Amino acid sequence: MISSILLAAAATVPATPAWNPTVGIIISISSLVMVLLSTRIEKPLVGPKFPILPISIPTFVAAMAFGHIVGVGIVLGLTNIGRL
């Protein structure tokens, strides 16, 4: 039963690009944009402070995680339309 579900899911997976510097640059830029946008949230200084940026460590980690999610979405979208 489980193997048939996995086979059905495997048939619907789109083609994904191999890692290259363009993919890394896209994900890095999206993560940087999310860190910059995180300074605009209501309470970016809740928790231990980050020594360089005007945000806290939990805000930094959350912004980087969300930046990676957005970056992967951009990479998959560009791959789907044939630009990457």
Protein backbone atom coordinates (compact mmCIF):
# COMPACT_ATOMS: atom_id res chain seq x y z
CA MET A 1 0.00 0.00 0.00
CA ILE A 2 2.69 2.48 0.98
CA SER A 3 4.86 1.62 -2.02
CA SER A 4 1.98 2.34 -4.42
CA ILE A 5 1.46 5.75 -2.77
CA LEU A 6 5.17 6.53 -3.12
CA LEU A 7 5.15 5.47 -6.76
CA ALA A 8 2.16 7.71 -7.42
CA ALA A 9 3.90 10.65 -5.73
CA ALA A 10 7.16 9.99 -7.59
CA ALA A 11 5.39 10.31 -10.91
CA THR A 12 4.25 13.85 -10.09
CA VAL A 13 7.59 15.29 -8.93
CA PRO A 14 8.79 18.01 -11.34
CA ALA A 15 12.34 18.15 -12.64
CA THR A 16 14.68 19.96 -10.27
CA PRO A 17 17.98 21.56 -11.25
CA ALA A 18 21.32 20.33 -10.04
CA TRP A 19 23.06 22.70 -7.67
CA ASN A 20 25.15 25.35 -9.37
CA PRO A 21 26.37 28.83 -8.36
CA THR A 22 23.23 30.46 -9.79
CA VAL A 23 21.05 28.46 -7.41
CA GLY A 24 23.30 29.43 -4.50
CA ILE A 25 23.18 33.11 -5.45
CA ILE A 26 19.38 33.09 -5.70
CA ILE A 27 18.97 31.47 -2.28
CA SER A 28 21.59 33.77 -0.72
CA ILE A 29 19.94 36.92 -2.08
CA SER A 30 16.49 35.82 -0.96
CA SER A 31 17.85 35.06 2.53
CA LEU A 32 19.54 38.46 2.69
CA VAL A 33 16.32 40.20 1.63
CA MET A 34 14.38 38.37 4.35
CA VAL A 35 16.96 39.40 6.98
CA LEU A 36 16.66 43.01 5.85
CA LEU A 37 12.86 42.81 5.94
CA SER A 38 12.97 41.30 9.43
CA THR A 39 14.24 44.60 10.83
CA ARG A 40 10.78 46.02 10.03
CA ILE A 41 8.81 43.61 12.23
CA GLU A 42 7.13 44.91 15.39
CA LYS A 43 9.50 43.42 17.97
CA PRO A 44 12.76 42.28 16.32
CA LEU A 45 14.75 42.50 19.57
CA VAL A 46 12.93 39.88 21.67
CA GLY A 47 15.44 37.30 22.88
CA PRO A 48 19.25 37.27 22.86
CA LYS A 49 20.68 40.09 20.78
CA PHE A 50 22.65 39.49 17.60
CA PRO A 51 26.06 41.19 17.92
CA ILE A 52 26.17 42.82 14.45
CA LEU A 53 22.63 43.31 13.16
CA PRO A 54 19.83 45.21 14.91
CA ILE A 55 17.80 42.00 15.35
CA SER A 56 17.75 39.13 17.82
CA ILE A 57 19.16 35.67 17.18
CA PRO A 58 15.71 34.00 16.91
CA THR A 59 14.64 36.66 14.39
CA PHE A 60 17.81 36.04 12.38
CA VAL A 61 17.31 32.27 12.34
CA ALA A 62 13.65 32.63 11.35
CA ALA A 63 14.49 35.12 8.59
CA MET A 64 17.20 32.85 7.19
CA ALA A 65 14.86 29.84 7.25
CA PHE A 66 12.10 31.79 5.51
CA GLY A 67 14.64 33.14 3.01
CA HIS A 68 15.66 29.60 2.11
CA ILE A 69 12.02 28.60 1.64
CA VAL A 70 11.41 31.62 -0.61
CA GLY A 71 14.66 30.95 -2.49
CA VAL A 72 13.75 27.33 -3.16
CA GLY A 73 10.37 28.51 -4.43
CA ILE A 74 12.08 30.96 -6.78
CA VAL A 75 14.48 28.29 -8.06
CA LEU A 76 11.68 25.80 -8.66
CA GLY A 77 9.55 28.47 -10.34
CA LEU A 78 12.37 29.54 -12.63
CA THR A 79 13.10 25.91 -13.46
CA ASN A 80 9.45 25.28 -14.23
CA ILE A 81 9.27 28.13 -16.75
CA GLY A 82 12.60 27.12 -18.29
CA ARG A 83 14.72 30.08 -17.20
CA LEU A 84 17.14 28.19 -14.99
